[in-house]
C-alpha cells in the first residue's frame, strides 16, 4: 500500500506474475489508484486473462492469446530446469489529467498469489 507516484499519466504498465493457478477469469488481485484529489479507481488482475502461473511447462502447448514478456530458468540442475515467466499488464488511467498520489497492490487472497516486479507510467 502507498506506492508513491505523484504524477499524472495516461497508462500504467505492470510487470507481474503469480504463484499457483486459479480458474480462468478469477480476480486474483488489483491495483487501487489514489488520485491527489481524494478520488480512486482500480485495475483488476484476472487469472487466464492477464497472466497464468509463473511456472512454465515447456512440454505443454502455450496459449497464443496470452504471451509472457519474460521467460527464464530458475533452480536448474543436471536433471531438470524450472522455467518461470512474467507478464505485462497495461491499464488505462480513467482520469489521465488528474495526478496519481499513490497506488496500492492488493491480493484477493485466492490460491493464486500475484506478485509485482515493476511499474512504469506512460
N, C-alpha and C. Protein backbone atom coordinates (compact mmCIF):
# COMPACT_ATOMS: atom_id res chain seq x y z
N UNK A 1 0.84 -1.19 0.00
CA UNK A 1 0.00 0.00 0.00
C UNK A 1 0.87 1.24 0.00
N UNK A 2 0.35 2.29 -0.63
CA UNK A 2 1.01 3.58 -0.58
C UNK A 2 2.24 3.74 -1.46
N UNK A 3 2.28 3.05 -2.61
CA UNK A 3 3.39 3.22 -3.55
C UNK A 3 3.29 4.64 -4.11
N UNK A 4 4.29 5.46 -3.86
CA UNK A 4 4.25 6.87 -4.26
C UNK A 4 4.39 7.01 -5.78
N UNK A 5 3.51 7.84 -6.36
CA UNK A 5 3.54 8.12 -7.79
C UNK A 5 3.71 9.63 -7.99
N UNK A 6 2.80 10.43 -7.49
CA UNK A 6 2.85 11.89 -7.56
C UNK A 6 3.02 12.45 -8.97
N UNK A 7 2.23 11.92 -9.90
CA UNK A 7 2.22 12.46 -11.27
C UNK A 7 1.01 11.95 -12.03
N UNK A 8 0.70 12.64 -13.10
CA UNK A 8 -0.40 12.24 -13.99
C UNK A 8 0.17 11.34 -15.09
N UNK A 9 -0.68 10.48 -15.66
CA UNK A 9 -0.27 9.62 -16.78
C UNK A 9 -1.52 9.12 -17.48
N UNK A 10 -1.35 8.63 -18.71
CA UNK A 10 -2.50 8.06 -19.43
C UNK A 10 -2.62 6.57 -19.22
N UNK A 11 -1.48 5.87 -19.05
CA UNK A 11 -1.50 4.42 -18.88
C UNK A 11 -0.51 4.03 -17.79
N UNK A 12 -0.80 2.90 -17.16
CA UNK A 12 0.09 2.31 -16.17
C UNK A 12 0.49 0.93 -16.69
N UNK A 13 1.76 0.60 -16.57
CA UNK A 13 2.26 -0.69 -17.03
C UNK A 13 2.84 -1.43 -15.83
N UNK A 14 2.46 -2.71 -15.69
CA UNK A 14 2.89 -3.52 -14.57
C UNK A 14 3.56 -4.79 -15.08
N UNK A 15 4.68 -5.17 -14.50
CA UNK A 15 5.33 -6.45 -14.76
C UNK A 15 4.95 -7.33 -13.58
N UNK A 16 4.15 -8.38 -13.85
CA UNK A 16 3.57 -9.17 -12.79
C UNK A 16 3.71 -10.67 -13.04
N UNK A 17 3.53 -11.42 -12.00
CA UNK A 17 3.49 -12.87 -12.06
C UNK A 17 2.55 -13.37 -10.99
N UNK A 18 2.32 -14.67 -10.96
CA UNK A 18 1.50 -15.24 -9.91
C UNK A 18 1.97 -16.65 -9.60
N UNK A 19 1.87 -16.98 -8.32
CA UNK A 19 2.22 -18.31 -7.85
C UNK A 19 0.93 -19.13 -7.82
N UNK A 20 0.98 -20.31 -8.36
CA UNK A 20 -0.14 -21.25 -8.37
C UNK A 20 -1.20 -20.83 -9.39
N UNK A 21 -2.25 -21.61 -9.47
CA UNK A 21 -3.26 -21.44 -10.51
C UNK A 21 -4.61 -21.06 -9.91
N UNK A 22 -5.53 -20.62 -10.79
CA UNK A 22 -6.91 -20.31 -10.42
C UNK A 22 -7.77 -20.55 -11.66
N UNK A 23 -9.07 -20.72 -11.50
CA UNK A 23 -9.92 -20.83 -12.69
C UNK A 23 -9.82 -19.57 -13.55
N UNK A 24 -9.84 -19.75 -14.86
CA UNK A 24 -9.77 -18.61 -15.77
C UNK A 24 -10.87 -17.60 -15.44
N UNK A 25 -10.49 -16.32 -15.44
CA UNK A 25 -11.41 -15.24 -15.15
C UNK A 25 -11.46 -14.83 -13.69
N UNK A 26 -10.84 -15.60 -12.80
CA UNK A 26 -10.84 -15.28 -11.37
C UNK A 26 -10.02 -14.03 -11.11
N UNK A 27 -10.59 -13.07 -10.38
CA UNK A 27 -9.80 -11.91 -9.99
C UNK A 27 -8.91 -12.32 -8.82
N UNK A 28 -7.60 -12.26 -9.05
CA UNK A 28 -6.64 -12.68 -8.02
C UNK A 28 -6.00 -11.50 -7.30
N UNK A 29 -6.24 -10.30 -7.80
CA UNK A 29 -5.67 -9.10 -7.18
C UNK A 29 -6.12 -7.87 -7.93
N UNK A 30 -5.59 -6.73 -7.50
CA UNK A 30 -5.94 -5.47 -8.17
C UNK A 30 -4.93 -4.38 -7.79
N UNK A 31 -4.99 -3.32 -8.55
CA UNK A 31 -4.25 -2.10 -8.26
C UNK A 31 -5.29 -1.03 -7.96
N UNK A 32 -5.17 -0.40 -6.81
CA UNK A 32 -6.06 0.71 -6.47
C UNK A 32 -5.29 2.00 -6.67
N UNK A 33 -5.85 2.88 -7.49
CA UNK A 33 -5.25 4.16 -7.82
C UNK A 33 -5.85 5.22 -6.89
N UNK A 34 -5.01 5.92 -6.17
CA UNK A 34 -5.46 7.02 -5.31
C UNK A 34 -5.02 8.33 -5.96
N UNK A 35 -5.99 9.13 -6.39
CA UNK A 35 -5.69 10.40 -7.03
C UNK A 35 -5.45 11.47 -5.96
N UNK A 36 -4.72 12.49 -6.33
CA UNK A 36 -4.36 13.57 -5.40
C UNK A 36 -5.59 14.29 -4.85
N UNK A 37 -6.71 14.28 -5.61
CA UNK A 37 -7.93 14.97 -5.15
C UNK A 37 -8.81 14.10 -4.26
N UNK A 38 -8.33 12.89 -3.89
CA UNK A 38 -9.08 12.03 -2.99
C UNK A 38 -9.92 10.97 -3.67
N UNK A 39 -10.14 11.06 -4.98
CA UNK A 39 -10.89 10.03 -5.69
C UNK A 39 -10.00 8.81 -5.91
N UNK A 40 -10.63 7.68 -6.26
CA UNK A 40 -9.86 6.46 -6.51
C UNK A 40 -10.47 5.68 -7.66
N UNK A 41 -9.69 4.76 -8.20
CA UNK A 41 -10.11 3.86 -9.27
C UNK A 41 -9.34 2.55 -9.06
N UNK A 42 -9.71 1.52 -9.79
CA UNK A 42 -8.99 0.26 -9.64
C UNK A 42 -8.81 -0.45 -10.98
N UNK A 43 -7.77 -1.26 -11.03
CA UNK A 43 -7.47 -2.11 -12.19
C UNK A 43 -7.40 -3.53 -11.66
N UNK A 44 -8.29 -4.40 -12.12
CA UNK A 44 -8.30 -5.79 -11.67
C UNK A 44 -7.24 -6.63 -12.38
N UNK A 45 -6.78 -7.67 -11.70
CA UNK A 45 -5.84 -8.64 -12.26
C UNK A 45 -6.58 -9.97 -12.31
N UNK A 46 -6.80 -10.50 -13.52
CA UNK A 46 -7.60 -11.71 -13.69
C UNK A 46 -6.75 -12.86 -14.25
N UNK A 47 -6.83 -13.99 -13.55
CA UNK A 47 -6.10 -15.18 -13.97
C UNK A 47 -6.67 -15.66 -15.31
N UNK A 48 -5.78 -16.01 -16.22
CA UNK A 48 -6.19 -16.50 -17.53
C UNK A 48 -6.50 -15.41 -18.53
N UNK A 49 -6.69 -14.18 -18.05
CA UNK A 49 -6.91 -13.02 -18.91
C UNK A 49 -5.63 -12.20 -19.01
N UNK A 50 -5.01 -11.93 -17.85
CA UNK A 50 -3.80 -11.11 -17.79
C UNK A 50 -2.53 -11.93 -17.56
N UNK A 51 -2.65 -13.08 -16.95
CA UNK A 51 -1.47 -13.89 -16.62
C UNK A 51 -1.89 -15.30 -16.26
N UNK A 52 -0.88 -16.17 -16.21
CA UNK A 52 -1.03 -17.54 -15.72
C UNK A 52 0.08 -17.78 -14.72
N UNK A 53 0.08 -18.95 -14.12
CA UNK A 53 1.10 -19.29 -13.13
C UNK A 53 2.49 -19.03 -13.68
N UNK A 54 3.37 -18.55 -12.83
CA UNK A 54 4.72 -18.23 -13.27
C UNK A 54 5.52 -19.47 -13.66
N UNK A 55 5.12 -20.65 -13.19
CA UNK A 55 5.82 -21.88 -13.57
C UNK A 55 5.38 -22.29 -14.97
N UNK A 56 6.34 -22.49 -15.82
CA UNK A 56 6.09 -22.82 -17.23
C UNK A 56 6.52 -24.25 -17.49
N UNK A 57 5.63 -25.04 -18.08
CA UNK A 57 5.97 -26.39 -18.51
C UNK A 57 6.20 -26.34 -20.02
N UNK A 58 7.47 -26.38 -20.46
CA UNK A 58 7.74 -26.26 -21.90
C UNK A 58 7.20 -27.43 -22.72
N UNK A 59 6.79 -28.52 -22.07
CA UNK A 59 6.23 -29.67 -22.78
C UNK A 59 4.76 -29.47 -23.13
N UNK A 60 4.09 -28.53 -22.45
CA UNK A 60 2.67 -28.28 -22.72
C UNK A 60 2.53 -27.20 -23.77
N UNK A 61 1.50 -27.27 -24.62
CA UNK A 61 1.27 -26.20 -25.60
C UNK A 61 0.97 -24.89 -24.89
N UNK A 62 1.51 -23.81 -25.42
CA UNK A 62 1.30 -22.49 -24.82
C UNK A 62 0.17 -21.77 -25.53
N UNK A 63 -0.57 -20.99 -24.79
CA UNK A 63 -1.67 -20.22 -25.35
C UNK A 63 -1.13 -19.13 -26.27
N UNK A 64 -1.78 -18.93 -27.39
CA UNK A 64 -1.35 -17.89 -28.33
C UNK A 64 -1.88 -16.52 -27.93
N UNK A 65 -2.94 -16.48 -27.12
CA UNK A 65 -3.57 -15.21 -26.75
C UNK A 65 -3.01 -14.60 -25.46
N UNK A 66 -2.10 -15.30 -24.78
CA UNK A 66 -1.57 -14.81 -23.51
C UNK A 66 -0.06 -15.10 -23.49
N UNK A 67 0.70 -14.13 -23.94
CA UNK A 67 2.14 -14.33 -24.10
C UNK A 67 2.92 -13.68 -22.95
N UNK A 68 3.80 -14.44 -22.30
CA UNK A 68 4.67 -13.82 -21.29
C UNK A 68 5.66 -12.87 -21.95
N UNK A 69 6.10 -11.87 -21.20
CA UNK A 69 7.09 -10.92 -21.72
C UNK A 69 8.50 -11.30 -21.29
N UNK A 70 8.62 -12.24 -20.35
CA UNK A 70 9.93 -12.71 -19.90
C UNK A 70 9.81 -14.16 -19.49
N UNK A 71 10.77 -14.97 -19.92
CA UNK A 71 10.88 -16.38 -19.52
C UNK A 71 12.32 -16.61 -19.11
N UNK A 72 12.51 -17.27 -17.99
CA UNK A 72 13.87 -17.54 -17.51
C UNK A 72 13.93 -18.84 -16.75
N UNK A 73 15.14 -19.31 -16.52
CA UNK A 73 15.37 -20.55 -15.77
C UNK A 73 15.60 -20.22 -14.30
N UNK A 74 15.07 -21.06 -13.45
CA UNK A 74 15.27 -20.91 -12.02
C UNK A 74 15.54 -22.29 -11.42
N UNK A 75 16.58 -22.39 -10.63
CA UNK A 75 16.85 -23.65 -9.96
C UNK A 75 17.23 -24.78 -10.88
N UNK A 76 18.02 -24.51 -11.90
CA UNK A 76 18.43 -25.56 -12.83
C UNK A 76 19.34 -26.56 -12.14
N UNK A 77 19.18 -27.79 -12.53
CA UNK A 77 20.07 -28.86 -12.06
C UNK A 77 20.48 -29.69 -13.25
N UNK A 78 21.27 -30.71 -13.02
CA UNK A 78 21.71 -31.54 -14.15
C UNK A 78 20.57 -32.36 -14.72
N UNK A 79 19.47 -32.51 -13.98
CA UNK A 79 18.36 -33.33 -14.46
C UNK A 79 17.11 -32.53 -14.81
N UNK A 80 16.99 -31.30 -14.28
CA UNK A 80 15.77 -30.55 -14.51
C UNK A 80 16.03 -29.05 -14.47
N UNK A 81 15.34 -28.33 -15.35
CA UNK A 81 15.34 -26.87 -15.33
C UNK A 81 13.92 -26.42 -15.04
N UNK A 82 13.77 -25.55 -14.07
CA UNK A 82 12.46 -24.97 -13.75
C UNK A 82 12.34 -23.64 -14.49
N UNK A 83 11.39 -23.57 -15.42
CA UNK A 83 11.19 -22.37 -16.20
C UNK A 83 10.10 -21.52 -15.56
N UNK A 84 10.33 -20.21 -15.51
CA UNK A 84 9.36 -19.28 -14.93
C UNK A 84 9.12 -18.14 -15.93
N UNK A 85 7.99 -17.45 -15.73
CA UNK A 85 7.61 -16.41 -16.69
C UNK A 85 6.91 -15.26 -15.98
N UNK A 86 6.98 -14.09 -16.61
CA UNK A 86 6.34 -12.87 -16.12
C UNK A 86 5.49 -12.28 -17.24
N UNK A 87 4.48 -11.51 -16.86
CA UNK A 87 3.54 -10.94 -17.81
C UNK A 87 3.46 -9.41 -17.68
N UNK A 88 3.03 -8.78 -18.75
CA UNK A 88 2.82 -7.33 -18.80
C UNK A 88 1.32 -7.07 -18.73
N UNK A 89 0.92 -6.21 -17.81
CA UNK A 89 -0.46 -5.76 -17.72
C UNK A 89 -0.45 -4.25 -17.90
N UNK A 90 -1.18 -3.76 -18.90
CA UNK A 90 -1.30 -2.32 -19.13
C UNK A 90 -2.71 -1.91 -18.74
N UNK A 91 -2.81 -0.84 -17.96
CA UNK A 91 -4.11 -0.34 -17.54
C UNK A 91 -4.28 1.10 -17.93
N UNK A 92 -5.43 1.42 -18.53
CA UNK A 92 -5.74 2.80 -18.87
C UNK A 92 -6.10 3.56 -17.60
N UNK A 93 -5.57 4.75 -17.48
CA UNK A 93 -5.92 5.60 -16.37
C UNK A 93 -7.26 6.26 -16.70
N UNK A 94 -8.30 6.05 -15.89
CA UNK A 94 -9.60 6.64 -16.21
C UNK A 94 -9.62 8.17 -16.05
N UNK A 95 -8.59 8.73 -15.41
CA UNK A 95 -8.51 10.19 -15.21
C UNK A 95 -7.09 10.65 -15.55
N UNK A 96 -6.71 10.63 -16.82
CA UNK A 96 -5.31 10.92 -17.18
C UNK A 96 -4.84 12.33 -16.84
N UNK A 97 -5.78 13.25 -16.66
CA UNK A 97 -5.40 14.62 -16.33
C UNK A 97 -5.15 14.81 -14.84
N UNK A 98 -5.62 13.88 -14.01
CA UNK A 98 -5.52 14.02 -12.55
C UNK A 98 -4.24 13.34 -12.05
N UNK A 99 -3.46 14.03 -11.25
CA UNK A 99 -2.26 13.40 -10.68
C UNK A 99 -2.62 12.22 -9.78
N UNK A 100 -1.86 11.14 -9.94
CA UNK A 100 -2.00 9.97 -9.07
C UNK A 100 -1.07 10.19 -7.88
N UNK A 101 -1.62 10.14 -6.68
CA UNK A 101 -0.80 10.31 -5.47
C UNK A 101 -0.08 9.00 -5.15
N UNK A 102 -0.86 7.90 -5.02
CA UNK A 102 -0.28 6.60 -4.66
C UNK A 102 -1.04 5.47 -5.33
N UNK A 103 -0.43 4.29 -5.30
CA UNK A 103 -1.05 3.04 -5.77
C UNK A 103 -0.99 2.03 -4.63
N UNK A 104 -2.01 1.18 -4.57
CA UNK A 104 -1.97 0.01 -3.69
C UNK A 104 -1.99 -1.23 -4.58
N UNK A 105 -1.18 -2.21 -4.25
CA UNK A 105 -1.17 -3.51 -4.91
C UNK A 105 -1.83 -4.48 -3.94
N UNK A 106 -2.98 -5.02 -4.32
CA UNK A 106 -3.79 -5.81 -3.40
C UNK A 106 -3.99 -7.23 -3.90
N UNK A 107 -3.92 -8.18 -3.01
CA UNK A 107 -4.21 -9.58 -3.31
C UNK A 107 -5.67 -9.85 -2.99
N UNK A 108 -6.31 -10.73 -3.76
CA UNK A 108 -7.67 -11.16 -3.48
C UNK A 108 -7.67 -12.39 -2.56
N UNK A 109 -6.50 -12.83 -2.14
CA UNK A 109 -6.34 -13.96 -1.23
C UNK A 109 -6.93 -15.26 -1.79
N UNK A 110 -6.65 -15.51 -3.07
CA UNK A 110 -7.01 -16.77 -3.70
C UNK A 110 -5.80 -17.69 -3.62
N UNK A 111 -5.94 -18.91 -4.12
CA UNK A 111 -4.80 -19.83 -4.17
C UNK A 111 -3.68 -19.28 -5.06
N UNK A 112 -4.06 -18.50 -6.05
CA UNK A 112 -3.11 -17.89 -6.97
C UNK A 112 -2.68 -16.54 -6.40
N UNK A 113 -1.46 -16.47 -5.92
CA UNK A 113 -0.96 -15.26 -5.24
C UNK A 113 -0.14 -14.40 -6.20
N UNK A 114 -0.66 -13.22 -6.58
CA UNK A 114 0.07 -12.36 -7.51
C UNK A 114 1.27 -11.68 -6.85
N UNK A 115 2.27 -11.38 -7.68
CA UNK A 115 3.40 -10.58 -7.21
C UNK A 115 3.74 -9.55 -8.27
N UNK A 116 4.35 -8.44 -7.81
CA UNK A 116 4.66 -7.28 -8.65
C UNK A 116 6.15 -7.12 -8.74
N UNK A 117 6.67 -6.99 -9.96
CA UNK A 117 8.11 -6.80 -10.18
C UNK A 117 8.45 -5.35 -10.54
N UNK A 118 7.58 -4.67 -11.31
CA UNK A 118 7.92 -3.31 -11.75
C UNK A 118 6.66 -2.56 -12.17
N UNK A 119 6.75 -1.23 -12.10
CA UNK A 119 5.67 -0.33 -12.55
C UNK A 119 6.31 0.75 -13.41
N UNK A 120 5.66 1.07 -14.52
CA UNK A 120 6.09 2.18 -15.38
C UNK A 120 4.85 2.98 -15.76
N UNK A 121 5.00 4.28 -15.87
CA UNK A 121 3.90 5.14 -16.27
C UNK A 121 4.15 5.67 -17.68
N UNK A 122 3.07 5.87 -18.41
CA UNK A 122 3.16 6.43 -19.77
C UNK A 122 2.31 7.67 -19.84
